[in-house]
Protein backbone atom coordinates (compact mmCIF):
# COMPACT_ATOMS: atom_id res chain seq x y z
CA MET A 1 75.15 78.53 116.68
CA THR A 2 77.14 75.40 116.07
CA GLU A 3 80.00 73.98 115.62
CA GLU A 4 79.26 73.80 110.99
CA PHE A 5 78.21 76.85 110.93
CA VAL A 6 81.78 78.41 112.83
CA ILE A 7 83.70 75.50 110.00
CA ASN A 8 81.77 77.40 107.06
CA ILE A 9 82.56 80.39 107.86
CA ALA A 10 86.39 79.87 108.39
CA GLN A 11 86.51 78.23 105.62
CA THR A 12 84.68 80.93 103.03
CA ALA A 13 87.07 83.26 104.32
CA VAL A 14 90.06 81.45 104.39
CA PHE A 15 89.34 80.41 100.22
CA THR A 16 88.10 84.54 99.93
CA VAL A 17 92.03 85.32 101.41
CA LEU A 18 93.14 82.51 98.55
CA LEU A 19 91.29 84.20 95.75
CA VAL A 20 91.62 87.68 97.13
CA SER A 21 95.45 87.65 96.94
CA SER A 22 96.44 85.47 94.19
CA PRO A 23 96.44 87.19 91.40
CA MET A 24 99.01 89.80 92.78
CA LEU A 25 101.31 86.57 94.39
CA GLY A 26 100.59 84.74 91.45
CA LEU A 27 101.48 87.26 89.26
CA ALA A 28 105.03 88.23 91.54
CA LEU A 29 105.79 85.01 91.69
CA ILE A 30 105.80 84.96 87.22
CA VAL A 31 108.65 87.34 87.45
CA GLY A 32 110.26 86.53 90.40
CA LEU A 33 110.66 83.34 88.54
CA ALA A 34 111.85 85.56 84.75
CA ILE A 35 113.74 87.48 87.17
CA GLY A 36 116.11 84.90 89.07
CA ILE A 37 116.70 82.81 85.25
CA PHE A 38 118.51 85.94 84.27
CA GLN A 39 120.60 86.49 87.60
CA ALA A 40 121.45 82.49 86.57
CA VAL A 41 122.35 82.84 83.50
CA THR A 42 123.48 86.49 82.79
CA SER A 43 125.31 86.13 86.97
CA ILE A 44 123.96 89.44 87.51
CA ASN A 45 123.01 88.95 91.80
CA GLU A 46 121.81 92.19 92.26
CA MET A 47 119.34 92.04 95.23
CA THR A 48 117.33 95.48 94.49
CA LEU A 49 116.86 93.17 91.01
CA THR A 50 115.21 91.85 92.42
CA PHE A 51 113.05 93.17 94.71
CA ILE A 52 111.34 95.80 92.83
CA PRO A 53 110.24 94.71 89.87
CA LYS A 54 108.09 92.65 92.36
CA ILE A 55 106.89 95.23 94.28
CA VAL A 56 106.02 96.72 90.82
CA ILE A 57 104.75 94.70 89.22
CA VAL A 58 102.60 93.83 92.33
CA ILE A 59 100.92 96.80 93.67
CA VAL A 60 100.21 97.30 89.44
CA SER A 61 98.08 94.05 89.44
CA LEU A 62 96.64 95.62 92.52
CA VAL A 63 94.89 98.60 90.68
CA VAL A 64 94.26 96.21 87.80
CA PHE A 65 92.08 93.75 89.86
CA ALA A 66 90.63 96.79 92.25
CA PRO A 67 87.27 96.75 91.42
CA TRP A 68 87.46 92.70 91.33
CA ILE A 69 88.85 92.35 94.53
CA LEU A 70 85.91 94.86 96.24
CA GLN A 71 83.43 92.61 93.91
CA VAL A 72 84.40 89.30 96.17
CA MET A 73 84.93 91.40 99.69
CA GLN A 74 82.18 92.64 98.92
CA LEU A 75 79.73 89.59 98.29
CA PHE A 76 81.75 88.45 101.44
CA THR A 77 80.57 90.93 103.81
CA GLU A 78 77.18 90.91 102.12
CA GLU A 79 76.91 86.90 103.27
CA LEU A 80 78.43 87.94 107.10
CA PHE A 81 75.82 89.56 106.99
CA ARG A 82 72.91 87.76 105.80
CA SER A 83 73.66 84.66 108.61
CA ILE A 84 73.43 88.08 111.40
CA GLN A 85 70.13 86.02 111.07
CA LEU A 86 70.67 82.95 111.97
CA ILE A 87 73.00 83.47 114.48
CA ALA A 88 70.54 85.01 116.14
CA HIS A 89 68.23 83.17 116.60
């Protein structure tokens, strides 16, 4: 097992984590920005007004994107299992 191989696995793992988390983070960012603009316009500074909608949108997006997330994670895991043969030799 070479350094190149380990770095490649680490890069793929980080990319997979970013890919899997991007729908939830992106939607939370958009909702947070919209609520921030709403709060700036109306001068309402309520902490629960920002927290609750973001939590709801993250949960909903997790349910919606769950099949795709599982598919991406399954492909990554299968690739890791295939690379076990390379590690053993």
